[in-house]
Amino acid sequence: MGKMDTKVIHNERTKFSGYLAQARRRVSRGREVIFDEVMRSHGHFTAEELVKECLHKKLKVSRPTIFRVLHDLLEAGIIRETAFGDKHRHFEHVYDEKPHHHAQCVRCHRFIEFPDRKEDKVYHSYLKKQEFKILGHEMHFYGICKTCQLKEGVS
């Protein structure tokens, strides 16, 4: 881990500790373990993937603790939830993130991230007229990636 990564993680840990203090929750060993695992993850992950990783590493944290800490991390703004139409919730880091969207292969479930081109602005004036307060937006595309198309002979 480089100096930049160490600094970012330190800042995120400080942010999380501040959130916990404000919420009158203590910084427990379980919260620290889950925080560290989440910060080591790259890309998108699910709670179940985190549970499996903790079991694989023989980390002594329960499934309910993992789900509670993920909720804390969401509330603290450390991670965000992304909706992919799956039955499982997906998460990703918020830090050092540029606005982007997602495309997901319906065969292999691989994600492709692509930059936000501010296309949502088209809808802002309409929603403002409807007195709708926008808190955020997500755009997702679903399809079949090149690798799966080649495997299936689809064009």
N, C-alpha and C. Protein backbone atom coordinates (compact mmCIF):
# COMPACT_ATOMS: atom_id res chain seq x y z
N MET A 1 0.85 -1.18 0.00
CA MET A 1 0.00 0.00 0.00
C MET A 1 0.89 1.24 0.00
N GLY A 2 0.64 2.14 -0.92
CA GLY A 2 1.45 3.35 -1.05
C GLY A 2 1.06 4.41 -0.04
N LYS A 3 1.85 5.51 -0.02
CA LYS A 3 1.57 6.60 0.92
C LYS A 3 0.19 7.21 0.67
N MET A 4 -0.18 7.37 -0.60
CA MET A 4 -1.48 7.95 -0.93
C MET A 4 -2.59 7.07 -0.38
N ASP A 5 -2.47 5.77 -0.59
CA ASP A 5 -3.48 4.84 -0.09
C ASP A 5 -3.57 4.90 1.43
N THR A 6 -2.44 4.94 2.09
CA THR A 6 -2.41 5.01 3.55
C THR A 6 -3.09 6.28 4.04
N LYS A 7 -2.83 7.39 3.38
CA LYS A 7 -3.44 8.66 3.77
C LYS A 7 -4.96 8.63 3.55
N VAL A 8 -5.38 8.10 2.40
CA VAL A 8 -6.81 8.01 2.10
C VAL A 8 -7.50 7.13 3.14
N ILE A 9 -6.91 5.99 3.44
CA ILE A 9 -7.51 5.08 4.41
C ILE A 9 -7.55 5.73 5.80
N HIS A 10 -6.50 6.44 6.16
CA HIS A 10 -6.50 7.15 7.44
C HIS A 10 -7.64 8.17 7.48
N ASN A 11 -7.82 8.92 6.39
CA ASN A 11 -8.91 9.91 6.33
C ASN A 11 -10.28 9.24 6.43
N GLU A 12 -10.43 8.11 5.75
CA GLU A 12 -11.71 7.38 5.80
C GLU A 12 -11.96 6.81 7.21
N ARG A 13 -10.89 6.33 7.85
CA ARG A 13 -11.02 5.81 9.22
C ARG A 13 -11.45 6.93 10.18
N THR A 14 -10.84 8.10 10.01
CA THR A 14 -11.19 9.26 10.84
C THR A 14 -12.65 9.65 10.61
N LYS A 15 -13.07 9.65 9.36
CA LYS A 15 -14.46 9.95 9.01
C LYS A 15 -15.41 8.94 9.66
N PHE A 16 -15.06 7.65 9.60
CA PHE A 16 -15.89 6.59 10.17
C PHE A 16 -15.94 6.72 11.70
N SER A 17 -14.80 6.97 12.32
CA SER A 17 -14.76 7.15 13.78
C SER A 17 -15.62 8.34 14.20
N GLY A 18 -15.57 9.42 13.43
CA GLY A 18 -16.39 10.60 13.72
C GLY A 18 -17.87 10.28 13.62
N TYR A 19 -18.25 9.52 12.60
CA TYR A 19 -19.64 9.11 12.44
C TYR A 19 -20.08 8.27 13.64
N LEU A 20 -19.24 7.30 14.03
CA LEU A 20 -19.59 6.42 15.15
C LEU A 20 -19.74 7.22 16.44
N ALA A 21 -18.86 8.18 16.66
CA ALA A 21 -18.94 9.01 17.87
C ALA A 21 -20.24 9.81 17.87
N GLN A 22 -20.57 10.39 16.74
CA GLN A 22 -21.79 11.19 16.63
C GLN A 22 -23.03 10.31 16.83
N ALA A 23 -22.96 9.07 16.35
CA ALA A 23 -24.08 8.14 16.48
C ALA A 23 -24.08 7.44 17.86
N ARG A 24 -23.10 7.79 18.68
CA ARG A 24 -22.93 7.20 20.02
C ARG A 24 -22.74 5.67 19.97
N ARG A 25 -21.89 5.29 19.00
CA ARG A 25 -21.51 3.88 18.88
C ARG A 25 -20.01 3.80 19.11
N ARG A 26 -19.58 2.71 19.67
CA ARG A 26 -18.14 2.58 19.93
C ARG A 26 -17.41 1.97 18.75
N VAL A 27 -16.13 2.23 18.68
CA VAL A 27 -15.28 1.64 17.66
C VAL A 27 -14.87 0.27 18.18
N SER A 28 -15.65 -0.74 17.81
CA SER A 28 -15.40 -2.10 18.30
C SER A 28 -14.39 -2.81 17.40
N ARG A 29 -13.89 -3.94 17.88
CA ARG A 29 -12.97 -4.74 17.09
C ARG A 29 -13.64 -5.21 15.81
N GLY A 30 -14.91 -5.61 15.91
CA GLY A 30 -15.65 -6.06 14.73
C GLY A 30 -15.77 -4.97 13.68
N ARG A 31 -16.07 -3.76 14.12
CA ARG A 31 -16.17 -2.63 13.18
C ARG A 31 -14.82 -2.36 12.51
N GLU A 32 -13.75 -2.45 13.29
CA GLU A 32 -12.41 -2.22 12.72
C GLU A 32 -12.05 -3.29 11.70
N VAL A 33 -12.36 -4.54 12.01
CA VAL A 33 -12.06 -5.66 11.10
C VAL A 33 -12.81 -5.48 9.78
N ILE A 34 -14.10 -5.18 9.87
CA ILE A 34 -14.91 -5.02 8.67
C ILE A 34 -14.46 -3.79 7.88
N PHE A 35 -14.18 -2.69 8.58
CA PHE A 35 -13.68 -1.49 7.90
C PHE A 35 -12.43 -1.84 7.09
N ASP A 36 -11.48 -2.54 7.73
CA ASP A 36 -10.23 -2.90 7.04
C ASP A 36 -10.50 -3.78 5.82
N GLU A 37 -11.39 -4.75 5.95
CA GLU A 37 -11.70 -5.63 4.81
C GLU A 37 -12.35 -4.85 3.67
N VAL A 38 -13.25 -3.96 4.01
CA VAL A 38 -13.91 -3.15 2.98
C VAL A 38 -12.89 -2.27 2.27
N MET A 39 -11.97 -1.68 3.02
CA MET A 39 -10.97 -0.81 2.41
C MET A 39 -9.99 -1.60 1.53
N ARG A 40 -9.81 -2.88 1.82
CA ARG A 40 -8.94 -3.72 0.98
C ARG A 40 -9.63 -4.16 -0.30
N SER A 41 -10.94 -4.11 -0.31
CA SER A 41 -11.69 -4.58 -1.49
C SER A 41 -11.54 -3.59 -2.63
N HIS A 42 -11.64 -4.08 -3.81
CA HIS A 42 -11.54 -3.23 -5.00
C HIS A 42 -12.77 -3.49 -5.86
N GLY A 43 -13.29 -2.44 -6.44
CA GLY A 43 -14.45 -2.60 -7.29
C GLY A 43 -15.72 -2.79 -6.47
N HIS A 44 -16.68 -3.47 -7.06
CA HIS A 44 -17.96 -3.70 -6.42
C HIS A 44 -17.92 -4.98 -5.61
N PHE A 45 -18.67 -5.00 -4.52
CA PHE A 45 -18.74 -6.20 -3.70
C PHE A 45 -20.12 -6.29 -3.07
N THR A 46 -20.49 -7.50 -2.68
CA THR A 46 -21.76 -7.73 -1.99
C THR A 46 -21.46 -8.08 -0.54
N ALA A 47 -22.47 -8.02 0.28
CA ALA A 47 -22.31 -8.41 1.69
C ALA A 47 -21.90 -9.88 1.77
N GLU A 48 -22.50 -10.72 0.93
CA GLU A 48 -22.16 -12.15 0.95
C GLU A 48 -20.71 -12.39 0.57
N GLU A 49 -20.20 -11.64 -0.38
CA GLU A 49 -18.78 -11.77 -0.74
C GLU A 49 -17.90 -11.38 0.44
N LEU A 50 -18.30 -10.36 1.17
CA LEU A 50 -17.56 -9.92 2.35
C LEU A 50 -17.61 -10.99 3.44
N VAL A 51 -18.77 -11.59 3.63
CA VAL A 51 -18.92 -12.68 4.61
C VAL A 51 -17.97 -13.83 4.24
N LYS A 52 -17.98 -14.23 2.98
CA LYS A 52 -17.11 -15.33 2.52
C LYS A 52 -15.64 -15.00 2.71
N GLU A 53 -15.26 -13.76 2.42
CA GLU A 53 -13.87 -13.33 2.58
C GLU A 53 -13.45 -13.40 4.05
N CYS A 54 -14.33 -12.97 4.94
CA CYS A 54 -14.03 -13.00 6.38
C CYS A 54 -13.92 -14.45 6.87
N LEU A 55 -14.79 -15.31 6.38
CA LEU A 55 -14.71 -16.73 6.75
C LEU A 55 -13.41 -17.35 6.23
N HIS A 56 -13.07 -17.04 4.99
CA HIS A 56 -11.85 -17.55 4.37
C HIS A 56 -10.61 -17.13 5.16
N LYS A 57 -10.61 -15.90 5.64
CA LYS A 57 -9.47 -15.38 6.40
C LYS A 57 -9.56 -15.71 7.88
N LYS A 58 -10.62 -16.44 8.26
CA LYS A 58 -10.84 -16.83 9.65
C LYS A 58 -10.92 -15.63 10.60
N LEU A 59 -11.55 -14.57 10.10
CA LEU A 59 -11.76 -13.38 10.93
C LEU A 59 -12.98 -13.64 11.80
N LYS A 60 -12.89 -13.33 13.05
CA LYS A 60 -13.96 -13.66 13.98
C LYS A 60 -14.99 -12.54 14.07
N VAL A 61 -15.81 -12.46 13.02
CA VAL A 61 -16.92 -11.51 12.99
C VAL A 61 -18.16 -12.26 12.48
N SER A 62 -19.27 -11.97 13.09
CA SER A 62 -20.50 -12.66 12.73
C SER A 62 -21.14 -12.02 11.50
N ARG A 63 -21.99 -12.79 10.84
CA ARG A 63 -22.75 -12.29 9.69
C ARG A 63 -23.58 -11.05 10.06
N PRO A 64 -24.32 -11.07 11.21
CA PRO A 64 -25.07 -9.86 11.57
C PRO A 64 -24.18 -8.64 11.79
N THR A 65 -22.98 -8.85 12.36
CA THR A 65 -22.05 -7.74 12.56
C THR A 65 -21.65 -7.15 11.21
N ILE A 66 -21.38 -8.01 10.24
CA ILE A 66 -20.98 -7.53 8.92
C ILE A 66 -22.09 -6.67 8.32
N PHE A 67 -23.33 -7.13 8.41
CA PHE A 67 -24.44 -6.36 7.84
C PHE A 67 -24.64 -5.04 8.59
N ARG A 68 -24.50 -5.05 9.91
CA ARG A 68 -24.63 -3.80 10.69
C ARG A 68 -23.53 -2.81 10.33
N VAL A 69 -22.31 -3.31 10.20
CA VAL A 69 -21.18 -2.41 9.89
C VAL A 69 -21.31 -1.86 8.46
N LEU A 70 -21.80 -2.66 7.53
CA LEU A 70 -22.03 -2.14 6.19
C LEU A 70 -23.04 -1.00 6.23
N HIS A 71 -24.06 -1.15 7.06
CA HIS A 71 -25.04 -0.06 7.23
C HIS A 71 -24.35 1.18 7.81
N ASP A 72 -23.51 0.98 8.82
CA ASP A 72 -22.76 2.11 9.40
C ASP A 72 -21.88 2.79 8.35
N LEU A 73 -21.20 1.99 7.52
CA LEU A 73 -20.32 2.54 6.49
C LEU A 73 -21.12 3.32 5.43
N LEU A 74 -22.31 2.84 5.13
CA LEU A 74 -23.20 3.57 4.22
C LEU A 74 -23.59 4.91 4.82
N GLU A 75 -24.03 4.87 6.07
CA GLU A 75 -24.48 6.09 6.77
C GLU A 75 -23.34 7.09 6.91
N ALA A 76 -22.12 6.58 7.08
CA ALA A 76 -20.95 7.45 7.26
C ALA A 76 -20.44 8.02 5.93
N GLY A 77 -20.94 7.50 4.82
CA GLY A 77 -20.50 7.98 3.51
C GLY A 77 -19.17 7.39 3.07
N ILE A 78 -18.81 6.24 3.63
CA ILE A 78 -17.56 5.56 3.26
C ILE A 78 -17.79 4.72 2.00
N ILE A 79 -18.95 4.09 1.92
CA ILE A 79 -19.32 3.28 0.76
C ILE A 79 -20.68 3.76 0.28
N ARG A 80 -21.02 3.36 -0.94
CA ARG A 80 -22.37 3.63 -1.43
C ARG A 80 -22.94 2.35 -2.01
N GLU A 81 -24.24 2.30 -2.01
CA GLU A 81 -24.93 1.14 -2.56
C GLU A 81 -25.24 1.41 -4.02
N THR A 82 -25.07 0.39 -4.84
CA THR A 82 -25.45 0.50 -6.24
C THR A 82 -26.48 -0.57 -6.54
N ALA A 83 -27.46 -0.23 -7.31
CA ALA A 83 -28.55 -1.16 -7.64
C ALA A 83 -28.31 -1.72 -9.03
N PHE A 84 -28.23 -3.03 -9.11
CA PHE A 84 -28.01 -3.68 -10.40
C PHE A 84 -29.17 -4.58 -10.79
N GLY A 85 -30.28 -4.51 -10.08
CA GLY A 85 -31.41 -5.36 -10.42
C GLY A 85 -31.24 -6.78 -9.90
N ASP A 86 -30.15 -7.05 -9.21
CA ASP A 86 -29.94 -8.37 -8.62
C ASP A 86 -30.69 -8.43 -7.31
N LYS A 87 -30.77 -9.63 -6.75
CA LYS A 87 -31.40 -9.75 -5.44
C LYS A 87 -30.44 -9.33 -4.33
N HIS A 88 -29.16 -9.18 -4.66
CA HIS A 88 -28.16 -8.77 -3.67
C HIS A 88 -27.80 -7.31 -3.88
N ARG A 89 -27.55 -6.63 -2.78
CA ARG A 89 -27.09 -5.24 -2.85
C ARG A 89 -25.59 -5.24 -3.13
N HIS A 90 -25.15 -4.33 -3.96
CA HIS A 90 -23.73 -4.17 -4.27
C HIS A 90 -23.25 -2.86 -3.67
N PHE A 91 -21.98 -2.84 -3.28
CA PHE A 91 -21.38 -1.66 -2.67
C PHE A 91 -20.09 -1.32 -3.40
N GLU A 92 -19.69 -0.06 -3.26
CA GLU A 92 -18.40 0.38 -3.77
C GLU A 92 -17.93 1.56 -2.92
N HIS A 93 -16.63 1.81 -2.96
CA HIS A 93 -16.06 2.93 -2.20
C HIS A 93 -16.55 4.26 -2.76
N VAL A 94 -16.59 5.26 -1.91
CA VAL A 94 -16.97 6.60 -2.33
C VAL A 94 -15.73 7.45 -2.55
N TYR A 95 -14.67 7.23 -1.76
CA TYR A 95 -13.49 8.09 -1.83
C TYR A 95 -12.85 8.06 -3.22
N ASP A 96 -12.28 9.19 -3.59
CA ASP A 96 -11.51 9.32 -4.83
C ASP A 96 -12.29 8.81 -6.04
N GLU A 97 -13.60 8.99 -6.00
CA GLU A 97 -14.42 8.45 -7.08
C GLU A 97 -14.88 9.56 -8.01
N LYS A 98 -14.73 9.33 -9.29
CA LYS A 98 -15.27 10.25 -10.28
C LYS A 98 -16.67 9.74 -10.63
N PRO A 99 -17.61 10.65 -10.93
CA PRO A 99 -18.96 10.20 -11.30
C PRO A 99 -18.91 9.23 -12.48
N HIS A 100 -19.61 8.12 -12.34
CA HIS A 100 -19.61 7.11 -13.39
C HIS A 100 -20.90 6.31 -13.37
N HIS A 101 -21.08 5.53 -14.41
CA HIS A 101 -22.23 4.65 -14.54
C HIS A 101 -21.73 3.22 -14.73
N HIS A 102 -22.67 2.29 -14.82
CA HIS A 102 -22.31 0.89 -14.91
C HIS A 102 -23.03 0.17 -16.04
N ALA A 103 -22.35 -0.79 -16.61
CA ALA A 103 -22.96 -1.75 -17.53
C ALA A 103 -22.61 -3.12 -16.97
N GLN A 104 -23.57 -4.04 -17.00
CA GLN A 104 -23.34 -5.37 -16.43
C GLN A 104 -23.71 -6.43 -17.44
N CYS A 105 -22.81 -7.40 -17.60
CA CYS A 105 -23.08 -8.54 -18.47
C CYS A 105 -24.06 -9.46 -17.74
N VAL A 106 -25.14 -9.83 -18.41
CA VAL A 106 -26.15 -10.69 -17.79
C VAL A 106 -25.73 -12.16 -17.76
N ARG A 107 -24.63 -12.48 -18.44
CA ARG A 107 -24.13 -13.87 -18.45
C ARG A 107 -23.08 -14.08 -17.34
N CYS A 108 -21.99 -13.31 -17.41
CA CYS A 108 -20.87 -13.51 -16.47
C CYS A 108 -20.92 -12.53 -15.30
N HIS A 109 -21.82 -11.55 -15.35
CA HIS A 109 -22.03 -10.55 -14.30
C HIS A 109 -20.87 -9.57 -14.14
N ARG A 110 -19.98 -9.51 -15.12
CA ARG A 110 -18.87 -8.56 -15.09
C ARG A 110 -19.42 -7.15 -15.25
N PHE A 111 -18.80 -6.20 -14.54
CA PHE A 111 -19.19 -4.81 -14.60
C PHE A 111 -18.22 -4.02 -15.47
N ILE A 112 -18.76 -3.08 -16.18
CA ILE A 112 -17.96 -2.10 -16.91
C ILE A 112 -18.37 -0.74 -16.37
N GLU A 113 -17.41 0.04 -15.96
CA GLU A 113 -17.70 1.40 -15.50
C GLU A 113 -17.35 2.35 -16.63
N PHE A 114 -18.20 3.37 -16.81
CA PHE A 114 -17.92 4.38 -17.83
C PHE A 114 -18.27 5.75 -17.27
N PRO A 115 -17.58 6.79 -17.76
CA PRO A 115 -17.73 8.12 -17.15
C PRO A 115 -19.11 8.72 -17.34
N ASP A 116 -19.51 9.51 -16.36
CA ASP A 116 -20.75 10.27 -16.40
C ASP A 116 -20.55 11.44 -17.36
N ARG A 117 -21.42 11.59 -18.32
CA ARG A 117 -21.33 12.68 -19.28
C ARG A 117 -22.40 13.74 -18.99
N LYS A 118 -22.90 13.75 -17.76
CA LYS A 118 -23.89 14.74 -17.29
C LYS A 118 -25.22 14.64 -18.04
N GLU A 119 -25.53 13.47 -18.59
CA GLU A 119 -26.78 13.30 -19.32
C GLU A 119 -28.02 13.45 -18.43
N ASP A 120 -27.84 13.28 -17.13
CA ASP A 120 -28.97 13.43 -16.21
C ASP A 120 -29.50 14.87 -16.16
N LYS A 121 -28.68 15.83 -16.55
CA LYS A 121 -29.09 17.24 -16.52
C LYS A 121 -30.32 17.49 -17.40
N VAL A 122 -30.51 16.67 -18.42
CA VAL A 122 -31.66 16.79 -19.31
C VAL A 122 -32.96 16.71 -18.52
N TYR A 123 -32.97 15.93 -17.46
CA TYR A 123 -34.19 15.69 -16.69
C TYR A 123 -34.39 16.66 -15.53
N HIS A 124 -33.38 17.42 -15.19
CA HIS A 124 -33.46 18.30 -14.02
C HIS A 124 -34.58 19.33 -14.12
N SER A 125 -34.70 20.01 -15.26
CA SER A 125 -35.73 21.04 -15.37
C SER A 125 -37.13 20.43 -15.27
N TYR A 126 -37.34 19.28 -15.87
CA TYR A 126 -38.64 18.62 -15.79
C TYR A 126 -38.97 18.24 -14.34
N LEU A 127 -38.01 17.64 -13.66
CA LEU A 127 -38.24 17.23 -12.28
C LEU A 127 -38.41 18.42 -11.35
N LYS A 128 -37.71 19.51 -11.64
CA LYS A 128 -37.86 20.73 -10.84
C LYS A 128 -39.29 21.26 -10.96
N LYS A 129 -39.85 21.24 -12.17
CA LYS A 129 -41.23 21.67 -12.39
C LYS A 129 -42.22 20.78 -11.62
N GLN A 130 -41.84 19.54 -11.41
CA GLN A 130 -42.67 18.60 -10.66
C GLN A 130 -42.45 18.73 -9.15
N GLU A 131 -41.61 19.70 -8.77
CA GLU A 131 -41.24 19.94 -7.37
C GLU A 131 -40.64 18.68 -6.73
N PHE A 132 -39.79 18.03 -7.52
CA PHE A 132 -39.10 16.82 -7.08
C PHE A 132 -37.68 17.17 -6.70
N LYS A 133 -37.29 16.85 -5.47
CA LYS A 133 -35.93 17.14 -5.00
C LYS A 133 -35.03 15.95 -5.34
N ILE A 134 -34.07 16.16 -6.23
CA ILE A 134 -33.17 15.10 -6.65
C ILE A 134 -32.08 14.92 -5.61
N LEU A 135 -31.89 13.69 -5.16
CA LEU A 135 -30.84 13.36 -4.20
C LEU A 135 -29.67 12.67 -4.89
N GLY A 136 -29.91 12.14 -6.06
CA GLY A 136 -28.87 11.44 -6.79
C GLY A 136 -29.51 10.66 -7.92
N HIS A 137 -28.69 9.99 -8.69
CA HIS A 137 -29.23 9.15 -9.76
C HIS A 137 -28.23 8.05 -10.08
N GLU A 138 -28.72 7.01 -10.71
CA GLU A 138 -27.88 5.93 -11.20
C GLU A 138 -28.37 5.54 -12.57
N MET A 139 -27.45 5.19 -13.45
CA MET A 139 -27.83 4.69 -14.77
C MET A 139 -27.10 3.36 -14.95
N HIS A 140 -27.85 2.35 -15.33
CA HIS A 140 -27.28 1.02 -15.53
C HIS A 140 -27.70 0.48 -16.89
N PHE A 141 -26.77 -0.15 -17.56
CA PHE A 141 -27.07 -0.84 -18.80
C PHE A 141 -26.85 -2.32 -18.55
N TYR A 142 -27.66 -3.14 -19.17
CA TYR A 142 -27.54 -4.58 -19.07
C TYR A 142 -27.38 -5.12 -20.48
N GLY A 143 -26.54 -6.12 -20.63
CA GLY A 143 -26.32 -6.70 -21.95
C GLY A 143 -25.38 -7.88 -21.86
N ILE A 144 -24.75 -8.19 -22.97
CA ILE A 144 -23.83 -9.32 -23.04
C ILE A 144 -22.46 -8.79 -23.47
N CYS A 145 -21.44 -9.05 -22.66
CA CYS A 145 -20.09 -8.55 -22.94
C CYS A 145 -19.49 -9.27 -24.15
N LYS A 146 -18.43 -8.72 -24.68
CA LYS A 146 -17.76 -9.26 -25.86
C LYS A 146 -17.31 -10.70 -25.65
N THR A 147 -16.73 -11.00 -24.48
CA THR A 147 -16.24 -12.34 -24.20
C THR A 147 -17.38 -13.36 -24.25
N CYS A 148 -18.51 -13.02 -23.61
CA CYS A 148 -19.66 -13.95 -23.59
C CYS A 148 -20.29 -14.06 -24.98
N GLN A 149 -20.29 -12.97 -25.74
CA GLN A 149 -20.81 -13.03 -27.10
C GLN A 149 -19.98 -14.00 -27.96
N LEU A 150 -18.66 -13.92 -27.77
CA LEU A 150 -17.78 -14.82 -28.53
C LEU A 150 -18.01 -16.27 -28.13
N LYS A 151 -18.19 -16.53 -26.84
CA LYS A 151 -18.44 -17.90 -26.34
C LYS A 151 -19.74 -18.45 -26.90
N GLU A 152 -20.75 -17.57 -27.03
CA GLU A 152 -22.08 -17.99 -27.45
C GLU A 152 -22.30 -17.87 -28.96
N GLY A 153 -21.35 -17.24 -29.65
CA GLY A 153 -21.52 -17.02 -31.07
C GLY A 153 -22.58 -15.97 -31.37
N VAL A 154 -22.80 -15.04 -30.41
CA VAL A 154 -23.78 -13.97 -30.56
C VAL A 154 -23.09 -12.75 -31.14
N SER A 155 -23.78 -12.04 -32.02
CA SER A 155 -23.18 -10.80 -32.54
C SER A 155 -24.13 -9.64 -32.36
